[in-house]
């Protein structure tokens, strides 16, 4: 087990589709920043393929491909295997073993009270989510983190309840077996910028409104130009409110302060049309994303190198997992 005073970051992404800008700015960009944090001893980032089964258990044909594409995106957009252990969850079977052992001492009521449990059931009402896998996914998340003595998990405010549950489960486990063998994780709160989809709703592959990290410049252009703007701007001469326009949310992320001020004033005064606003955004996005796009082409052209990174990451993660599971078994006495 790693030293208790070391800061260890653990996080994962579900391979339920290609990564989009929401995934990048909501998680991956922060992971890359954490690589420069000298107070962190180790970082574990994984493709959460088992987690993808909690809601998409009937759609597994693309999981491996999406996981591989995820690695390409990670490498292209800045994750460094020399600084972070990046791997595939299912290739480290100790995740499942620790999940099973934690399930033996976790009350069902604890899982049922997780806020997102009922929320997701309503959101995904067309799916049969009356499964233990769906109910128990916060428990698998706990195992994912505890397996590496994770001290910090980068999350948004809506995921804090999951971390609190993990802390409760770890405390119960340690108390029951009378050893501080598992570490209690803390939430590493991250502010995520607002990234709407091209239709103004939350960016999601299920809404068909995403801009993917693998999209070409031309593809992004075709998605941005038809985007809806402030409904008040029915005609070119109508003034608008940039704060009601999803295109302006993108400007806040990609454009310079001068450009942001120019398009905001142009919108309010009707001095700039929506097409010109979108063209200014595309220029800003290209300046920011083109280096990553080129890097992605280069990474994707060498699939064997990507596979080598995956295999090494799996090996490195499993070394830690095996050691920690040995200690867990010792205190359980099985």
C-alpha atoms as a PDB file:
ATOM      1  CA  UNK A   1       0.000   0.000   0.000  1.00  0.00           C
ATOM      2  CA  UNK A   2       1.242   3.489  -0.808  1.00  0.00           C
ATOM      3  CA  UNK A   3       2.243   5.815   2.014  1.00  0.00           C
ATOM      4  CA  UNK A   4      -0.680   7.449   3.778  1.00  0.00           C
ATOM      5  CA  UNK A   5       0.754  10.954   3.436  1.00  0.00           C
ATOM      6  CA  UNK A   6       1.039  10.741  -0.342  1.00  0.00           C
ATOM      7  CA  UNK A   7      -1.573  12.443  -2.500  1.00  0.00           C
ATOM      8  CA  UNK A   8      -2.883   9.903  -5.001  1.00  0.00           C
ATOM      9  CA  UNK A   9      -5.413  10.883  -7.664  1.00  0.00           C
ATOM     10  CA  UNK A  10      -7.728   8.289  -9.249  1.00  0.00           C
ATOM     11  CA  UNK A  11     -10.378   8.828 -11.909  1.00  0.00           C
ATOM     12  CA  UNK A  12     -11.960   7.069 -14.889  1.00  0.00           C
ATOM     13  CA  UNK A  13     -14.134   7.607 -17.964  1.00  0.00           C
ATOM     14  CA  UNK A  14     -16.816   5.318 -19.357  1.00  0.00           C
ATOM     15  CA  UNK A  15     -16.246   4.268 -22.997  1.00  0.00           C
ATOM     16  CA  UNK A  16     -19.863   4.679 -24.073  1.00  0.00           C
ATOM     17  CA  UNK A  17     -18.966   6.704 -27.162  1.00  0.00           C
ATOM     18  CA  UNK A  18     -16.330   8.927 -28.699  1.00  0.00           C
ATOM     19  CA  UNK A  19     -15.026  11.683 -26.427  1.00  0.00           C
ATOM     20  CA  UNK A  20     -16.489  15.125 -27.065  1.00  0.00           C
ATOM     21  CA  UNK A  21     -15.585  18.655 -25.967  1.00  0.00           C
ATOM     22  CA  UNK A  22     -17.698  18.244 -22.826  1.00  0.00           C
ATOM     23  CA  UNK A  23     -15.546  15.272 -21.795  1.00  0.00           C
ATOM     24  CA  UNK A  24     -12.388  17.223 -22.528  1.00  0.00           C
ATOM     25  CA  UNK A  25     -13.213  20.389 -20.619  1.00  0.00           C
ATOM     26  CA  UNK A  26     -15.143  18.492 -17.950  1.00  0.00           C
ATOM     27  CA  UNK A  27     -12.424  15.984 -17.085  1.00  0.00           C
ATOM     28  CA  UNK A  28      -9.496  15.343 -19.426  1.00  0.00           C
ATOM     29  CA  UNK A  29      -8.225  18.932 -19.434  1.00  0.00           C
ATOM     30  CA  UNK A  30      -8.146  18.843 -15.632  1.00  0.00           C
ATOM     31  CA  UNK A  31      -6.344  15.492 -15.608  1.00  0.00           C
ATOM     32  CA  UNK A  32      -3.627  16.989 -17.783  1.00  0.00           C
ATOM     33  CA  UNK A  33      -3.301  19.945 -15.395  1.00  0.00           C
ATOM     34  CA  UNK A  34      -2.957  17.559 -12.459  1.00  0.00           C
ATOM     35  CA  UNK A  35       0.150  16.095 -14.092  1.00  0.00           C
ATOM     36  CA  UNK A  36       1.930  19.378 -13.337  1.00  0.00           C
ATOM     37  CA  UNK A  37       0.907  19.318  -9.650  1.00  0.00           C
ATOM     38  CA  UNK A  38       4.046  18.440  -7.739  1.00  0.00           C
ATOM     39  CA  UNK A  39       2.084  17.648  -4.572  1.00  0.00           C
ATOM     40  CA  UNK A  40       0.607  14.554  -6.240  1.00  0.00           C
ATOM     41  CA  UNK A  41       2.666  11.393  -5.842  1.00  0.00           C
ATOM     42  CA  UNK A  42       0.780   9.221  -8.340  1.00  0.00           C
ATOM     43  CA  UNK A  43      -2.073   9.517 -10.814  1.00  0.00           C
ATOM     44  CA  UNK A  44      -4.263   6.636 -12.019  1.00  0.00           C
ATOM     45  CA  UNK A  45      -6.596   7.281 -14.962  1.00  0.00           C
ATOM     46  CA  UNK A  46      -8.549   4.405 -16.448  1.00  0.00           C
ATOM     47  CA  UNK A  47     -11.032   3.408 -19.122  1.00  0.00           C
ATOM     48  CA  UNK A  48     -14.035   2.382 -17.015  1.00  0.00           C
ATOM     49  CA  UNK A  49     -15.310  -0.323 -19.347  1.00  0.00           C
ATOM     50  CA  UNK A  50     -17.083  -2.299 -16.615  1.00  0.00           C
ATOM     51  CA  UNK A  51     -18.896   0.892 -15.635  1.00  0.00           C
ATOM     52  CA  UNK A  52     -20.177   1.234 -19.180  1.00  0.00           C
ATOM     53  CA  UNK A  53     -22.182  -1.956 -18.582  1.00  0.00           C
ATOM     54  CA  UNK A  54     -24.155  -0.416 -15.717  1.00  0.00           C
ATOM     55  CA  UNK A  55     -26.440   1.382 -18.179  1.00  0.00           C
ATOM     56  CA  UNK A  56     -25.411   0.005 -21.580  1.00  0.00           C
ATOM     57  CA  UNK A  57     -25.214  -3.710 -20.780  1.00  0.00           C
ATOM     58  CA  UNK A  58     -27.112  -4.438 -23.985  1.00  0.00           C
ATOM     59  CA  UNK A  59     -24.711  -2.436 -26.185  1.00  0.00           C
ATOM     60  CA  UNK A  60     -21.258  -3.911 -25.800  1.00  0.00           C
ATOM     61  CA  UNK A  61     -20.107  -4.305 -29.405  1.00  0.00           C
ATOM     62  CA  UNK A  62     -18.266  -0.964 -29.504  1.00  0.00           C
ATOM     63  CA  UNK A  63     -16.884  -0.829 -25.960  1.00  0.00           C
ATOM     64  CA  UNK A  64     -13.394  -2.013 -26.920  1.00  0.00           C
ATOM     65  CA  UNK A  65     -13.198   0.342 -29.885  1.00  0.00           C
ATOM     66  CA  UNK A  66     -14.429   3.316 -27.869  1.00  0.00           C
ATOM     67  CA  UNK A  67     -11.856   2.467 -25.200  1.00  0.00           C
ATOM     68  CA  UNK A  68      -9.071   2.384 -27.781  1.00  0.00           C
ATOM     69  CA  UNK A  69     -10.230   5.682 -29.294  1.00  0.00           C
ATOM     70  CA  UNK A  70     -10.302   7.117 -25.790  1.00  0.00           C
ATOM     71  CA  UNK A  71      -6.633   6.263 -25.353  1.00  0.00           C
ATOM     72  CA  UNK A  72      -5.825   7.999 -28.630  1.00  0.00           C
ATOM     73  CA  UNK A  73      -7.649  11.110 -27.421  1.00  0.00           C
ATOM     74  CA  UNK A  74      -5.941  10.984 -24.049  1.00  0.00           C
ATOM     75  CA  UNK A  75      -2.481  10.776 -25.566  1.00  0.00           C
ATOM     76  CA  UNK A  76      -3.216  13.419 -28.200  1.00  0.00           C
ATOM     77  CA  UNK A  77      -4.673  15.887 -25.727  1.00  0.00           C
ATOM     78  CA  UNK A  78      -1.892  15.649 -23.173  1.00  0.00           C
ATOM     79  CA  UNK A  79      -1.993  12.625 -20.893  1.00  0.00           C
ATOM     80  CA  UNK A  80       1.573  11.402 -20.467  1.00  0.00           C
ATOM     81  CA  UNK A  81       2.133   7.724 -19.551  1.00  0.00           C
ATOM     82  CA  UNK A  82       5.451   8.775 -18.017  1.00  0.00           C
ATOM     83  CA  UNK A  83       3.554  10.896 -15.483  1.00  0.00           C
ATOM     84  CA  UNK A  84       0.260   9.034 -15.128  1.00  0.00           C
ATOM     85  CA  UNK A  85      -0.692   5.365 -14.985  1.00  0.00           C
ATOM     86  CA  UNK A  86      -3.337   4.990 -17.701  1.00  0.00           C
ATOM     87  CA  UNK A  87      -5.023   1.624 -18.103  1.00  0.00           C
ATOM     88  CA  UNK A  88      -8.201  -0.364 -18.720  1.00  0.00           C
ATOM     89  CA  UNK A  89     -10.322  -1.235 -15.691  1.00  0.00           C
ATOM     90  CA  UNK A  90     -11.299  -4.746 -16.784  1.00  0.00           C
ATOM     91  CA  UNK A  91      -7.665  -5.720 -17.321  1.00  0.00           C
ATOM     92  CA  UNK A  92      -7.117  -5.385 -13.576  1.00  0.00           C
ATOM     93  CA  UNK A  93      -9.477  -8.025 -12.127  1.00  0.00           C
ATOM     94  CA  UNK A  94      -8.759  -6.865  -8.579  1.00  0.00           C
ATOM     95  CA  UNK A  95     -11.305  -4.085  -9.188  1.00  0.00           C
ATOM     96  CA  UNK A  96     -14.010  -6.745  -9.310  1.00  0.00           C
ATOM     97  CA  UNK A  97     -12.623  -8.627  -6.304  1.00  0.00           C
ATOM     98  CA  UNK A  98     -12.557  -5.572  -4.062  1.00  0.00           C
ATOM     99  CA  UNK A  99     -16.009  -4.573  -5.297  1.00  0.00           C
ATOM    100  CA  UNK A 100     -17.309  -8.010  -4.286  1.00  0.00           C
ATOM    101  CA  UNK A 101     -15.735  -7.818  -0.825  1.00  0.00           C
ATOM    102  CA  UNK A 102     -17.061  -4.307  -0.214  1.00  0.00           C
ATOM    103  CA  UNK A 103     -20.545  -5.459  -1.248  1.00  0.00           C
ATOM    104  CA  UNK A 104     -20.556  -7.874   1.681  1.00  0.00           C
ATOM    105  CA  UNK A 105     -20.558  -5.051   4.241  1.00  0.00           C
ATOM    106  CA  UNK A 106     -22.442  -2.286   2.401  1.00  0.00           C
ATOM    107  CA  UNK A 107     -26.125  -1.776   3.314  1.00  0.00           C
ATOM    108  CA  UNK A 108     -28.449  -1.652   0.310  1.00  0.00           C
ATOM    109  CA  UNK A 109     -30.086   1.478   1.760  1.00  0.00           C
ATOM    110  CA  UNK A 110     -26.791   3.352   1.414  1.00  0.00           C
ATOM    111  CA  UNK A 111     -26.783   2.697  -2.318  1.00  0.00           C
ATOM    112  CA  UNK A 112     -30.457   3.534  -2.771  1.00  0.00           C
ATOM    113  CA  UNK A 113     -30.033   6.990  -1.253  1.00  0.00           C
ATOM    114  CA  UNK A 114     -27.402   8.129  -3.779  1.00  0.00           C
ATOM    115  CA  UNK A 115     -29.054  11.157  -5.483  1.00  0.00           C
ATOM    116  CA  UNK A 116     -28.171  10.108  -9.024  1.00  0.00           C
ATOM    117  CA  UNK A 117     -29.707   6.641  -8.574  1.00  0.00           C
ATOM    118  CA  UNK A 118     -33.320   7.749  -8.992  1.00  0.00           C
ATOM    119  CA  UNK A 119     -32.403  10.691 -11.216  1.00  0.00           C
ATOM    120  CA  UNK A 120     -30.795   8.440 -13.804  1.00  0.00           C
ATOM    121  CA  UNK A 121     -33.639   5.953 -13.623  1.00  0.00           C
ATOM    122  CA  UNK A 122     -35.995   8.753 -14.646  1.00  0.00           C
ATOM    123  CA  UNK A 123     -33.618  10.112 -17.300  1.00  0.00           C
ATOM    124  CA  UNK A 124     -33.113   6.644 -18.793  1.00  0.00           C
ATOM    125  CA  UNK A 125     -36.685   5.456 -18.310  1.00  0.00           C
ATOM    126  CA  UNK A 126     -36.556   3.467 -21.541  1.00  0.00           C
ATOM    127  CA  UNK A 127     -33.981   1.076 -20.055  1.00  0.00           C
ATOM    128  CA  UNK A 128     -34.469  -1.640 -17.471  1.00  0.00           C
ATOM    129  CA  UNK A 129     -32.173  -0.421 -14.720  1.00  0.00           C
ATOM    130  CA  UNK A 130     -33.541  -2.667 -11.997  1.00  0.00           C
ATOM    131  CA  UNK A 131     -30.175  -4.440 -11.800  1.00  0.00           C
ATOM    132  CA  UNK A 132     -27.609  -4.753  -9.051  1.00  0.00           C
ATOM    133  CA  UNK A 133     -24.977  -3.483 -11.473  1.00  0.00           C
ATOM    134  CA  UNK A 134     -26.778  -0.150 -11.743  1.00  0.00           C
ATOM    135  CA  UNK A 135     -27.600   0.045  -8.040  1.00  0.00           C
ATOM    136  CA  UNK A 136     -24.059  -0.925  -7.100  1.00  0.00           C
ATOM    137  CA  UNK A 137     -22.065   1.254  -9.475  1.00  0.00           C
ATOM    138  CA  UNK A 138     -21.088   3.705  -6.678  1.00  0.00           C
ATOM    139  CA  UNK A 139     -19.690   0.690  -4.848  1.00  0.00           C
ATOM    140  CA  UNK A 140     -17.595  -0.251  -7.877  1.00  0.00           C
ATOM    141  CA  UNK A 141     -16.420   3.360  -7.986  1.00  0.00           C
ATOM    142  CA  UNK A 142     -15.363   3.024  -4.361  1.00  0.00           C
ATOM    143  CA  UNK A 143     -13.377  -0.108  -5.200  1.00  0.00           C
ATOM    144  CA  UNK A 144     -11.781   1.644  -8.187  1.00  0.00           C
ATOM    145  CA  UNK A 145     -10.371   4.351  -5.930  1.00  0.00           C
ATOM    146  CA  UNK A 146      -9.627   2.337  -2.795  1.00  0.00           C
ATOM    147  CA  UNK A 147      -7.686  -0.259  -4.789  1.00  0.00           C
ATOM    148  CA  UNK A 148      -4.964   2.340  -5.404  1.00  0.00           C
ATOM    149  CA  UNK A 149      -5.185   4.022  -1.989  1.00  0.00           C
ATOM    150  CA  UNK A 150      -6.687   6.989  -3.782  1.00  0.00           C
ATOM    151  CA  UNK A 151      -6.707  10.085  -1.596  1.00  0.00           C
ATOM    152  CA  UNK A 152      -8.336  12.470  -4.068  1.00  0.00           C
ATOM    153  CA  UNK A 153     -10.914  12.091  -6.826  1.00  0.00           C
ATOM    154  CA  UNK A 154     -11.460  15.019  -9.229  1.00  0.00           C
ATOM    155  CA  UNK A 155     -15.223  15.573  -9.431  1.00  0.00           C
ATOM    156  CA  UNK A 156     -17.839  18.234  -9.959  1.00  0.00           C
ATOM    157  CA  UNK A 157     -20.246  19.280  -7.213  1.00  0.00           C
ATOM    158  CA  UNK A 158     -22.870  16.768  -8.417  1.00  0.00           C
ATOM    159  CA  UNK A 159     -20.521  13.861  -7.674  1.00  0.00           C
ATOM    160  CA  UNK A 160     -19.593  14.846  -4.110  1.00  0.00           C
ATOM    161  CA  UNK A 161     -22.297  12.544  -2.716  1.00  0.00           C
ATOM    162  CA  UNK A 162     -20.568   9.587  -4.371  1.00  0.00           C
ATOM    163  CA  UNK A 163     -17.286  10.430  -2.652  1.00  0.00           C
ATOM    164  CA  UNK A 164     -19.043  10.786   0.700  1.00  0.00           C
ATOM    165  CA  UNK A 165     -20.556   7.340   0.209  1.00  0.00           C
ATOM    166  CA  UNK A 166     -17.110   5.959  -0.597  1.00  0.00           C
ATOM    167  CA  UNK A 167     -15.756   7.437   2.611  1.00  0.00           C
ATOM    168  CA  UNK A 168     -18.564   5.810   4.619  1.00  0.00           C
ATOM    169  CA  UNK A 169     -17.965   2.433   3.015  1.00  0.00           C
ATOM    170  CA  UNK A 170     -14.219   2.601   3.620  1.00  0.00           C
ATOM    171  CA  UNK A 171     -14.728   3.607   7.255  1.00  0.00           C
ATOM    172  CA  UNK A 172     -17.168   0.733   7.775  1.00  0.00           C
ATOM    173  CA  UNK A 173     -14.749  -1.724   6.164  1.00  0.00           C
ATOM    174  CA  UNK A 174     -11.786  -0.565   8.244  1.00  0.00           C
ATOM    175  CA  UNK A 175     -13.849  -0.572  11.435  1.00  0.00           C
ATOM    176  CA  UNK A 176     -15.303  -4.017  10.780  1.00  0.00           C
ATOM    177  CA  UNK A 177     -11.933  -5.636  10.100  1.00  0.00           C
ATOM    178  CA  UNK A 178     -10.088  -3.495  12.676  1.00  0.00           C
ATOM    179  CA  UNK A 179      -7.355  -2.317  10.283  1.00  0.00           C
ATOM    180  CA  UNK A 180      -6.869   0.964   8.403  1.00  0.00           C
ATOM    181  CA  UNK A 181      -6.184  -0.952   5.244  1.00  0.00           C
ATOM    182  CA  UNK A 182      -8.225   1.233   2.886  1.00  0.00           C
ATOM    183  CA  UNK A 183      -7.790   4.983   2.460  1.00  0.00           C
ATOM    184  CA  UNK A 184     -10.705   7.423   2.684  1.00  0.00           C
ATOM    185  CA  UNK A 185     -10.830   9.478  -0.526  1.00  0.00           C
ATOM    186  CA  UNK A 186     -11.573  13.184  -0.704  1.00  0.00           C
ATOM    187  CA  UNK A 187     -13.333  15.076  -3.455  1.00  0.00           C
ATOM    188  CA  UNK A 188     -11.002  17.251  -5.492  1.00  0.00           C
ATOM    189  CA  UNK A 189     -13.609  19.779  -6.579  1.00  0.00           C
ATOM    190  CA  UNK A 190     -13.308  20.956 -10.143  1.00  0.00           C
ATOM    191  CA  UNK A 191     -15.297  23.735 -11.795  1.00  0.00           C
ATOM    192  CA  UNK A 192     -16.431  22.610 -15.220  1.00  0.00           C
ATOM    193  CA  UNK A 193     -17.113  25.229 -17.890  1.00  0.00           C
ATOM    194  CA  UNK A 194     -20.543  25.130 -19.489  1.00  0.00           C
ATOM    195  CA  UNK A 195     -20.315  23.207 -22.785  1.00  0.00           C
ATOM    196  CA  UNK A 196     -23.711  23.048 -24.474  1.00  0.00           C
ATOM    197  CA  UNK A 197     -24.365  20.758 -27.391  1.00  0.00           C
ATOM    198  CA  UNK A 198     -24.959  22.166 -30.848  1.00  0.00           C
ATOM    199  CA  UNK A 199     -28.697  22.288 -30.087  1.00  0.00           C
ATOM    200  CA  UNK A 200     -28.263  24.172 -26.808  1.00  0.00           C
ATOM    201  CA  UNK A 201     -28.948  21.160 -24.602  1.00  0.00           C
ATOM    202  CA  UNK A 202     -26.299  19.339 -22.584  1.00  0.00           C
ATOM    203  CA  UNK A 203     -23.686  17.857 -24.907  1.00  0.00           C
ATOM    204  CA  UNK A 204     -24.391  14.136 -25.176  1.00  0.00           C
ATOM    205  CA  UNK A 205     -23.923  11.429 -27.793  1.00  0.00           C
ATOM    206  CA  UNK A 206     -27.508  10.338 -27.146  1.00  0.00           C
ATOM    207  CA  UNK A 207     -28.749  13.768 -28.276  1.00  0.00           C
ATOM    208  CA  UNK A 208     -26.642  13.699 -31.449  1.00  0.00           C
ATOM    209  CA  UNK A 209     -25.396  17.199 -30.566  1.00  0.00           C
ATOM    210  CA  UNK A 210     -21.716  16.585 -29.793  1.00  0.00           C
ATOM    211  CA  UNK A 211     -18.491  17.971 -31.160  1.00  0.00           C
ATOM    212  CA  UNK A 212     -15.996  15.139 -30.877  1.00  0.00           C
ATOM    213  CA  UNK A 213     -12.280  15.383 -30.202  1.00  0.00           C
ATOM    214  CA  UNK A 214     -11.795  13.315 -33.351  1.00  0.00           C
ATOM    215  CA  UNK A 215     -13.829  15.717 -35.538  1.00  0.00           C
ATOM    216  CA  UNK A 216     -11.939  17.437 -38.351  1.00  0.00           C
ATOM    217  CA  UNK A 217     -11.876  21.207 -38.798  1.00  0.00           C
ATOM    218  CA  UNK A 218     -14.444  20.959 -41.572  1.00  0.00           C
ATOM    219  CA  UNK A 219     -16.731  18.728 -39.502  1.00  0.00           C
ATOM    220  CA  UNK A 220     -16.657  21.207 -36.634  1.00  0.00           C
ATOM    221  CA  UNK A 221     -17.448  24.021 -39.061  1.00  0.00           C
ATOM    222  CA  UNK A 222     -20.500  22.134 -40.337  1.00  0.00           C
ATOM    223  CA  UNK A 223     -21.711  21.659 -36.770  1.00  0.00           C
ATOM    224  CA  UNK A 224     -21.108  25.217 -35.547  1.00  0.00           C
ATOM    225  CA  UNK A 225     -22.534  27.259 -38.434  1.00  0.00           C
ATOM    226  CA  UNK A 226     -26.132  25.917 -38.111  1.00  0.00           C
ATOM    227  CA  UNK A 227     -26.169  26.298 -34.297  1.00  0.00           C
ATOM    228  CA  UNK A 228     -29.159  28.034 -32.773  1.00  0.00           C
ATOM    229  CA  UNK A 229     -28.445  31.378 -31.106  1.00  0.00           C
ATOM    230  CA  UNK A 230     -30.471  33.762 -28.948  1.00  0.00           C
ATOM    231  CA  UNK A 231     -34.123  33.223 -30.022  1.00  0.00           C
ATOM    232  CA  UNK A 232     -34.630  37.005 -29.890  1.00  0.00           C
ATOM    233  CA  UNK A 233     -32.417  37.451 -32.952  1.00  0.00           C
ATOM    234  CA  UNK A 234     -34.930  36.491 -35.607  1.00  0.00           C
ATOM    235  CA  UNK A 235     -33.421  38.937 -38.106  1.00  0.00           C
ATOM    236  CA  UNK A 236     -29.931  40.297 -38.678  1.00  0.00           C
ATOM    237  CA  UNK A 237     -30.995  43.702 -37.328  1.00  0.00           C
ATOM    238  CA  UNK A 238     -32.445  42.316 -34.072  1.00  0.00           C
ATOM    239  CA  UNK A 239     -30.414  42.914 -30.925  1.00  0.00           C
ATOM    240  CA  UNK A 240     -29.731  39.903 -28.718  1.00  0.00           C
ATOM    241  CA  UNK A 241     -28.434  38.796 -25.338  1.00  0.00           C
ATOM    242  CA  UNK A 242     -25.153  36.857 -25.587  1.00  0.00           C
ATOM    243  CA  UNK A 243     -25.809  35.195 -22.237  1.00  0.00           C
ATOM    244  CA  UNK A 244     -28.772  33.415 -23.831  1.00  0.00           C
ATOM    245  CA  UNK A 245     -26.717  32.140 -26.751  1.00  0.00           C
ATOM    246  CA  UNK A 246     -24.920  28.747 -26.631  1.00  0.00           C
ATOM    247  CA  UNK A 247     -22.386  30.008 -29.178  1.00  0.00           C
ATOM    248  CA  UNK A 248     -21.287  32.642 -26.657  1.00  0.00           C
ATOM    249  CA  UNK A 249     -20.647  29.869 -24.099  1.00  0.00           C
ATOM    250  CA  UNK A 250     -18.065  28.523 -26.548  1.00  0.00           C
ATOM    251  CA  UNK A 251     -16.529  31.969 -26.986  1.00  0.00           C
ATOM    252  CA  UNK A 252     -15.976  32.131 -23.216  1.00  0.00           C
ATOM    253  CA  UNK A 253     -13.812  29.024 -23.484  1.00  0.00           C
ATOM    254  CA  UNK A 254     -11.986  29.491 -26.762  1.00  0.00           C
ATOM    255  CA  UNK A 255     -11.824  33.200 -27.585  1.00  0.00           C
ATOM    256  CA  UNK A 256      -9.558  35.976 -26.318  1.00  0.00           C
ATOM    257  CA  UNK A 257     -11.005  38.653 -24.000  1.00  0.00           C
ATOM    258  CA  UNK A 258     -10.967  41.130 -26.887  1.00  0.00           C
ATOM    259  CA  UNK A 259     -12.955  38.784 -29.134  1.00  0.00           C
ATOM    260  CA  UNK A 260     -15.411  37.985 -26.344  1.00  0.00           C
ATOM    261  CA  UNK A 261     -16.037  41.690 -25.760  1.00  0.00           C
ATOM    262  CA  UNK A 262     -16.401  42.344 -29.494  1.00  0.00           C
ATOM    263  CA  UNK A 263     -18.968  39.599 -30.115  1.00  0.00           C
ATOM    264  CA  UNK A 264     -20.891  40.434 -26.916  1.00  0.00           C
ATOM    265  CA  UNK A 265     -21.209  44.084 -27.907  1.00  0.00           C
ATOM    266  CA  UNK A 266     -21.976  43.133 -31.503  1.00  0.00           C
ATOM    267  CA  UNK A 267     -24.791  40.871 -30.321  1.00  0.00           C
ATOM    268  CA  UNK A 268     -26.341  43.427 -27.979  1.00  0.00           C
ATOM    269  CA  UNK A 269     -26.215  46.215 -30.577  1.00  0.00           C
ATOM    270  CA  UNK A 270     -27.005  44.047 -33.606  1.00  0.00           C
ATOM    271  CA  UNK A 271     -23.743  45.333 -35.020  1.00  0.00           C
ATOM    272  CA  UNK A 272     -22.552  41.767 -35.676  1.00  0.00           C
ATOM    273  CA  UNK A 273     -24.578  39.014 -37.262  1.00  0.00           C
ATOM    274  CA  UNK A 274     -24.725  35.492 -35.884  1.00  0.00           C
ATOM    275  CA  UNK A 275     -22.793  34.052 -38.830  1.00  0.00           C
ATOM    276  CA  UNK A 276     -19.909  36.468 -38.244  1.00  0.00           C
ATOM    277  CA  UNK A 277     -20.004  35.588 -34.546  1.00  0.00           C
ATOM    278  CA  UNK A 278     -19.757  31.903 -35.417  1.00  0.00           C
ATOM    279  CA  UNK A 279     -16.906  32.487 -37.857  1.00  0.00           C
ATOM    280  CA  UNK A 280     -15.001  34.325 -35.133  1.00  0.00           C
ATOM    281  CA  UNK A 281     -15.611  31.355 -32.831  1.00  0.00           C
ATOM    282  CA  UNK A 282     -14.357  28.869 -35.428  1.00  0.00           C
ATOM    283  CA  UNK A 283     -11.142  30.873 -35.790  1.00  0.00           C
ATOM    284  CA  UNK A 284     -10.630  30.801 -32.011  1.00  0.00           C
ATOM    285  CA  UNK A 285     -11.414  27.093 -31.802  1.00  0.00           C
ATOM    286  CA  UNK A 286      -8.985  26.273 -34.616  1.00  0.00           C
ATOM    287  CA  UNK A 287      -6.183  28.183 -32.908  1.00  0.00           C
ATOM    288  CA  UNK A 288      -6.775  26.217 -29.702  1.00  0.00           C
ATOM    289  CA  UNK A 289      -7.582  22.773 -31.089  1.00  0.00           C
ATOM    290  CA  UNK A 290      -5.509  22.433 -34.276  1.00  0.00           C
ATOM    291  CA  UNK A 291      -2.325  21.309 -32.441  1.00  0.00           C
ATOM    292  CA  UNK A 292      -4.326  18.571 -30.706  1.00  0.00           C
ATOM    293  CA  UNK A 293      -6.007  17.544 -33.947  1.00  0.00           C
ATOM    294  CA  UNK A 294      -2.644  17.153 -35.643  1.00  0.00           C
ATOM    295  CA  UNK A 295      -1.289  15.237 -32.685  1.00  0.00           C
ATOM    296  CA  UNK A 296      -4.317  12.944 -32.792  1.00  0.00           C
ATOM    297  CA  UNK A 297      -3.683  12.108 -36.445  1.00  0.00           C
ATOM    298  CA  UNK A 298      -0.092  11.212 -35.553  1.00  0.00           C
ATOM    299  CA  UNK A 299      -1.092   9.051 -32.569  1.00  0.00           C
ATOM    300  CA  UNK A 300      -3.852   7.252 -34.480  1.00  0.00           C
ATOM    301  CA  UNK A 301      -1.381   6.414 -37.264  1.00  0.00           C
ATOM    302  CA  UNK A 302       0.616   4.267 -34.808  1.00  0.00           C
ATOM    303  CA  UNK A 303      -1.905   1.870 -33.226  1.00  0.00           C
ATOM    304  CA  UNK A 304       0.796  -0.548 -32.075  1.00  0.00           C
ATOM    305  CA  UNK A 305       2.379   2.226 -30.008  1.00  0.00           C
ATOM    306  CA  UNK A 306      -0.999   2.936 -28.424  1.00  0.00           C
ATOM    307  CA  UNK A 307      -1.445  -0.743 -27.600  1.00  0.00           C
ATOM    308  CA  UNK A 308       2.006  -0.772 -26.007  1.00  0.00           C
ATOM    309  CA  UNK A 309       1.035   2.169 -23.787  1.00  0.00           C
ATOM    310  CA  UNK A 310      -2.163   0.360 -22.778  1.00  0.00           C
ATOM    311  CA  UNK A 311      -0.353  -2.886 -21.950  1.00  0.00           C
ATOM    312  CA  UNK A 312       2.290  -1.087 -19.889  1.00  0.00           C
ATOM    313  CA  UNK A 313      -0.371   0.863 -18.040  1.00  0.00           C
ATOM    314  CA  UNK A 314      -2.334  -2.311 -17.312  1.00  0.00           C
ATOM    315  CA  UNK A 315       0.826  -3.937 -15.960  1.00  0.00           C
ATOM    316  CA  UNK A 316       1.768  -0.973 -13.782  1.00  0.00           C
ATOM    317  CA  UNK A 317      -1.744  -0.609 -12.373  1.00  0.00           C
ATOM    318  CA  UNK A 318      -2.013  -4.293 -11.611  1.00  0.00           C
ATOM    319  CA  UNK A 319       1.252  -4.294  -9.639  1.00  0.00           C
ATOM    320  CA  UNK A 320      -0.274  -1.817  -7.212  1.00  0.00           C
ATOM    321  CA  UNK A 321      -3.663  -3.554  -7.227  1.00  0.00           C
ATOM    322  CA  UNK A 322      -2.216  -6.992  -6.470  1.00  0.00           C
ATOM    323  CA  UNK A 323      -0.172  -5.669  -3.551  1.00  0.00           C
ATOM    324  CA  UNK A 324      -3.126  -3.854  -2.020  1.00  0.00           C
ATOM    325  CA  UNK A 325      -5.484  -6.806  -2.466  1.00  0.00           C
ATOM    326  CA  UNK A 326      -3.019  -9.054  -0.661  1.00  0.00           C
ATOM    327  CA  UNK A 327      -3.271  -6.744   2.354  1.00  0.00           C
ATOM    328  CA  UNK A 328      -7.052  -6.635   2.126  1.00  0.00           C
ATOM    329  CA  UNK A 329      -7.193 -10.438   2.122  1.00  0.00           C
ATOM    330  CA  UNK A 330      -4.861 -10.548   5.123  1.00  0.00           C
ATOM    331  CA  UNK A 331      -7.185  -8.455   7.286  1.00  0.00           C
ATOM    332  CA  UNK A 332     -10.283 -10.371   6.110  1.00  0.00           C
ATOM    333  CA  UNK A 333      -8.409 -13.621   6.801  1.00  0.00           C
ATOM    334  CA  UNK A 334      -9.462 -15.429   3.632  1.00  0.00           C
END
